[in-house]
N, C-alpha and C. Protein backbone atom coordinates (compact mmCIF):
# COMPACT_ATOMS: atom_id res chain seq x y z
N MET A 1 0.86 -1.17 0.00
CA MET A 1 0.00 0.00 0.00
C MET A 1 0.90 1.23 0.00
N LYS A 2 0.82 2.00 -1.04
CA LYS A 2 1.70 3.16 -1.21
C LYS A 2 1.32 4.27 -0.23
N ASN A 3 2.32 4.82 0.44
CA ASN A 3 2.15 5.94 1.36
C ASN A 3 1.17 5.66 2.50
N GLY A 4 1.02 4.39 2.87
CA GLY A 4 0.12 4.05 3.97
C GLY A 4 0.73 4.38 5.32
N PHE A 5 -0.10 4.52 6.32
CA PHE A 5 0.35 4.72 7.70
C PHE A 5 0.52 3.35 8.33
N LYS A 6 1.55 3.18 9.16
CA LYS A 6 1.85 1.89 9.75
C LYS A 6 1.92 1.99 11.26
N TRP A 7 1.26 1.08 11.93
CA TRP A 7 1.37 0.92 13.37
C TRP A 7 2.01 -0.43 13.62
N VAL A 8 2.92 -0.48 14.57
CA VAL A 8 3.49 -1.74 15.02
C VAL A 8 2.95 -1.96 16.42
N VAL A 9 2.27 -3.06 16.61
CA VAL A 9 1.55 -3.31 17.86
C VAL A 9 2.05 -4.59 18.50
N GLU A 10 2.27 -4.55 19.78
CA GLU A 10 2.59 -5.76 20.54
C GLU A 10 1.38 -6.12 21.38
N ILE A 11 0.93 -7.34 21.27
CA ILE A 11 -0.24 -7.80 22.03
C ILE A 11 0.20 -8.89 22.98
N THR A 12 -0.10 -8.72 24.25
CA THR A 12 0.20 -9.72 25.26
C THR A 12 -1.11 -10.13 25.91
N VAL A 13 -1.35 -11.42 26.01
CA VAL A 13 -2.58 -11.90 26.64
C VAL A 13 -2.23 -12.88 27.75
N ASP A 14 -3.08 -12.94 28.74
CA ASP A 14 -2.94 -13.88 29.84
C ASP A 14 -3.08 -15.30 29.30
N PRO A 15 -2.34 -16.27 29.84
CA PRO A 15 -2.45 -17.65 29.38
C PRO A 15 -3.88 -18.20 29.40
N THR A 16 -4.72 -17.68 30.27
CA THR A 16 -6.11 -18.13 30.34
C THR A 16 -6.81 -17.96 29.00
N TRP A 17 -6.53 -16.85 28.30
CA TRP A 17 -7.17 -16.60 27.01
C TRP A 17 -6.70 -17.59 25.96
N VAL A 18 -5.43 -17.97 26.02
CA VAL A 18 -4.91 -18.98 25.11
C VAL A 18 -5.55 -20.33 25.42
N GLU A 19 -5.69 -20.65 26.70
CA GLU A 19 -6.38 -21.88 27.10
C GLU A 19 -7.79 -21.92 26.54
N ASP A 20 -8.43 -20.77 26.49
CA ASP A 20 -9.81 -20.67 25.99
C ASP A 20 -9.88 -20.64 24.47
N GLY A 21 -8.73 -20.72 23.79
CA GLY A 21 -8.74 -20.83 22.33
C GLY A 21 -8.20 -19.65 21.56
N PHE A 22 -7.75 -18.59 22.23
CA PHE A 22 -7.24 -17.44 21.48
C PHE A 22 -5.92 -17.77 20.80
N ASN A 23 -5.82 -17.40 19.55
CA ASN A 23 -4.59 -17.49 18.78
C ASN A 23 -4.69 -16.42 17.70
N LEU A 24 -3.84 -15.42 17.76
CA LEU A 24 -3.93 -14.30 16.82
C LEU A 24 -3.37 -14.70 15.46
N THR A 25 -4.26 -14.99 14.54
CA THR A 25 -3.89 -15.27 13.16
C THR A 25 -4.07 -13.98 12.36
N GLU A 26 -3.55 -13.96 11.15
CA GLU A 26 -3.72 -12.77 10.31
C GLU A 26 -5.20 -12.53 10.00
N ASP A 27 -5.95 -13.60 9.79
CA ASP A 27 -7.39 -13.44 9.54
C ASP A 27 -8.10 -12.82 10.73
N ARG A 28 -7.75 -13.27 11.93
CA ARG A 28 -8.38 -12.71 13.13
C ARG A 28 -7.98 -11.25 13.31
N ALA A 29 -6.72 -10.92 13.05
CA ALA A 29 -6.27 -9.53 13.17
C ALA A 29 -6.97 -8.66 12.13
N LYS A 30 -7.13 -9.17 10.91
CA LYS A 30 -7.83 -8.43 9.86
C LYS A 30 -9.28 -8.18 10.27
N ASP A 31 -9.93 -9.18 10.86
CA ASP A 31 -11.30 -9.01 11.36
C ASP A 31 -11.38 -7.89 12.41
N MET A 32 -10.37 -7.83 13.27
CA MET A 32 -10.34 -6.80 14.32
C MET A 32 -10.27 -5.41 13.69
N ILE A 33 -9.44 -5.25 12.68
CA ILE A 33 -9.31 -3.96 12.00
C ILE A 33 -10.60 -3.61 11.26
N GLU A 34 -11.18 -4.58 10.60
CA GLU A 34 -12.41 -4.33 9.84
C GLU A 34 -13.58 -3.93 10.75
N LYS A 35 -13.58 -4.40 11.99
CA LYS A 35 -14.62 -3.99 12.94
C LYS A 35 -14.46 -2.52 13.32
N GLU A 36 -13.23 -2.05 13.34
CA GLU A 36 -12.97 -0.65 13.66
C GLU A 36 -13.16 0.26 12.45
N LEU A 37 -12.99 -0.29 11.27
CA LEU A 37 -13.13 0.48 10.02
C LEU A 37 -14.17 -0.23 9.13
N PRO A 38 -15.42 -0.25 9.56
CA PRO A 38 -16.43 -1.06 8.87
C PRO A 38 -16.73 -0.64 7.43
N HIS A 39 -16.38 0.56 7.05
CA HIS A 39 -16.68 1.02 5.69
C HIS A 39 -15.46 0.97 4.78
N SER A 40 -14.37 0.39 5.25
CA SER A 40 -13.16 0.32 4.44
C SER A 40 -13.28 -0.81 3.41
N TYR A 41 -12.55 -0.63 2.32
CA TYR A 41 -12.44 -1.66 1.30
C TYR A 41 -11.25 -2.55 1.64
N SER A 42 -11.28 -3.80 1.20
CA SER A 42 -10.23 -4.74 1.56
C SER A 42 -8.84 -4.27 1.13
N HIS A 43 -8.73 -3.51 0.06
CA HIS A 43 -7.43 -3.04 -0.41
C HIS A 43 -6.92 -1.83 0.40
N GLU A 44 -7.74 -1.31 1.30
CA GLU A 44 -7.34 -0.13 2.08
C GLU A 44 -6.67 -0.48 3.41
N THR A 45 -6.68 -1.73 3.79
CA THR A 45 -6.01 -2.15 5.02
C THR A 45 -5.21 -3.42 4.75
N ALA A 46 -4.16 -3.60 5.50
CA ALA A 46 -3.35 -4.81 5.40
C ALA A 46 -2.89 -5.18 6.80
N VAL A 47 -2.84 -6.46 7.06
CA VAL A 47 -2.43 -6.95 8.38
C VAL A 47 -1.44 -8.09 8.17
N ARG A 48 -0.36 -8.05 8.93
CA ARG A 48 0.60 -9.15 8.94
C ARG A 48 0.97 -9.44 10.38
N VAL A 49 0.94 -10.70 10.76
CA VAL A 49 1.44 -11.12 12.06
C VAL A 49 2.92 -11.42 11.84
N LEU A 50 3.77 -10.59 12.42
CA LEU A 50 5.21 -10.70 12.17
C LEU A 50 5.89 -11.73 13.06
N ALA A 51 5.36 -11.93 14.24
CA ALA A 51 5.93 -12.91 15.16
C ALA A 51 4.80 -13.42 16.05
N LYS A 52 4.91 -14.68 16.43
CA LYS A 52 3.89 -15.26 17.30
C LYS A 52 4.53 -16.36 18.13
N PRO A 53 3.88 -16.76 19.22
CA PRO A 53 4.42 -17.84 20.03
C PRO A 53 4.47 -19.15 19.22
N ASP A 54 5.34 -20.03 19.62
CA ASP A 54 5.46 -21.33 18.98
C ASP A 54 4.11 -22.07 19.05
N GLY A 55 3.71 -22.68 17.95
CA GLY A 55 2.44 -23.38 17.88
C GLY A 55 2.31 -24.48 18.92
N ASP A 56 3.39 -25.23 19.16
CA ASP A 56 3.34 -26.29 20.16
C ASP A 56 3.11 -25.72 21.56
N ARG A 57 3.67 -24.56 21.84
CA ARG A 57 3.45 -23.92 23.14
C ARG A 57 1.98 -23.55 23.31
N ILE A 58 1.39 -23.00 22.24
CA ILE A 58 -0.03 -22.65 22.28
C ILE A 58 -0.87 -23.90 22.51
N LEU A 59 -0.59 -24.96 21.75
CA LEU A 59 -1.35 -26.20 21.87
C LEU A 59 -1.24 -26.80 23.27
N LYS A 60 -0.03 -26.81 23.84
CA LYS A 60 0.14 -27.32 25.20
C LYS A 60 -0.69 -26.52 26.19
N GLN A 61 -0.70 -25.20 26.04
CA GLN A 61 -1.47 -24.34 26.93
C GLN A 61 -2.96 -24.64 26.81
N GLN A 62 -3.39 -25.07 25.63
CA GLN A 62 -4.80 -25.38 25.39
C GLN A 62 -5.16 -26.81 25.76
N GLY A 63 -4.18 -27.55 26.29
CA GLY A 63 -4.46 -28.90 26.77
C GLY A 63 -4.22 -30.01 25.76
N TYR A 64 -3.66 -29.69 24.61
CA TYR A 64 -3.35 -30.70 23.61
C TYR A 64 -1.99 -31.33 23.89
N ARG A 65 -1.74 -32.45 23.23
CA ARG A 65 -0.42 -33.09 23.28
C ARG A 65 0.16 -33.03 21.87
N PRO A 66 0.83 -31.91 21.54
CA PRO A 66 1.28 -31.69 20.16
C PRO A 66 2.20 -32.78 19.62
N SER A 67 2.96 -33.45 20.49
CA SER A 67 3.86 -34.49 20.00
C SER A 67 3.10 -35.68 19.44
N LYS A 68 1.82 -35.79 19.76
CA LYS A 68 0.97 -36.89 19.29
C LYS A 68 0.08 -36.47 18.12
N MET A 69 0.24 -35.24 17.63
CA MET A 69 -0.64 -34.71 16.59
C MET A 69 0.06 -34.64 15.24
N THR A 70 -0.72 -34.82 14.16
CA THR A 70 -0.18 -34.62 12.82
C THR A 70 -0.15 -33.12 12.53
N ALA A 71 0.56 -32.74 11.49
CA ALA A 71 0.63 -31.33 11.10
C ALA A 71 -0.77 -30.80 10.77
N LYS A 72 -1.59 -31.61 10.13
CA LYS A 72 -2.96 -31.19 9.77
C LYS A 72 -3.80 -30.98 11.04
N GLU A 73 -3.66 -31.85 12.01
CA GLU A 73 -4.39 -31.71 13.28
C GLU A 73 -3.95 -30.45 14.01
N LYS A 74 -2.65 -30.18 14.00
CA LYS A 74 -2.14 -28.97 14.64
C LYS A 74 -2.69 -27.72 13.97
N ALA A 75 -2.66 -27.68 12.65
CA ALA A 75 -3.16 -26.51 11.90
C ALA A 75 -4.64 -26.29 12.20
N LYS A 76 -5.41 -27.37 12.25
CA LYS A 76 -6.83 -27.23 12.54
C LYS A 76 -7.06 -26.72 13.96
N ALA A 77 -6.30 -27.24 14.91
CA ALA A 77 -6.45 -26.81 16.31
C ALA A 77 -6.03 -25.35 16.48
N LEU A 78 -5.05 -24.92 15.71
CA LEU A 78 -4.58 -23.54 15.77
C LEU A 78 -5.37 -22.63 14.84
N ARG A 79 -6.33 -23.19 14.13
CA ARG A 79 -7.17 -22.45 13.17
C ARG A 79 -6.34 -21.79 12.08
N GLU A 80 -5.32 -22.51 11.62
CA GLU A 80 -4.43 -21.97 10.59
C GLU A 80 -4.58 -22.71 9.27
N ASP A 81 -5.57 -23.59 9.15
CA ASP A 81 -5.71 -24.35 7.91
C ASP A 81 -6.52 -23.63 6.88
């Protein structure tokens, strides 16, 4: 996006929220922005998750046993498929 304004945001959440299923994906972040800018067109905003916790750490916090899961099962549990 040419000449766009950029914010760099760090989000920290309590482990309880991760246990309850929170995982910040790019789709979820895009949804958050679209709720704040409901009249924007899709080409007017862009979201990238630049860094995130390790997927196995998230899964362990949510009560899964990642060492026993296939890559497809992990992606589905992390809502990244």
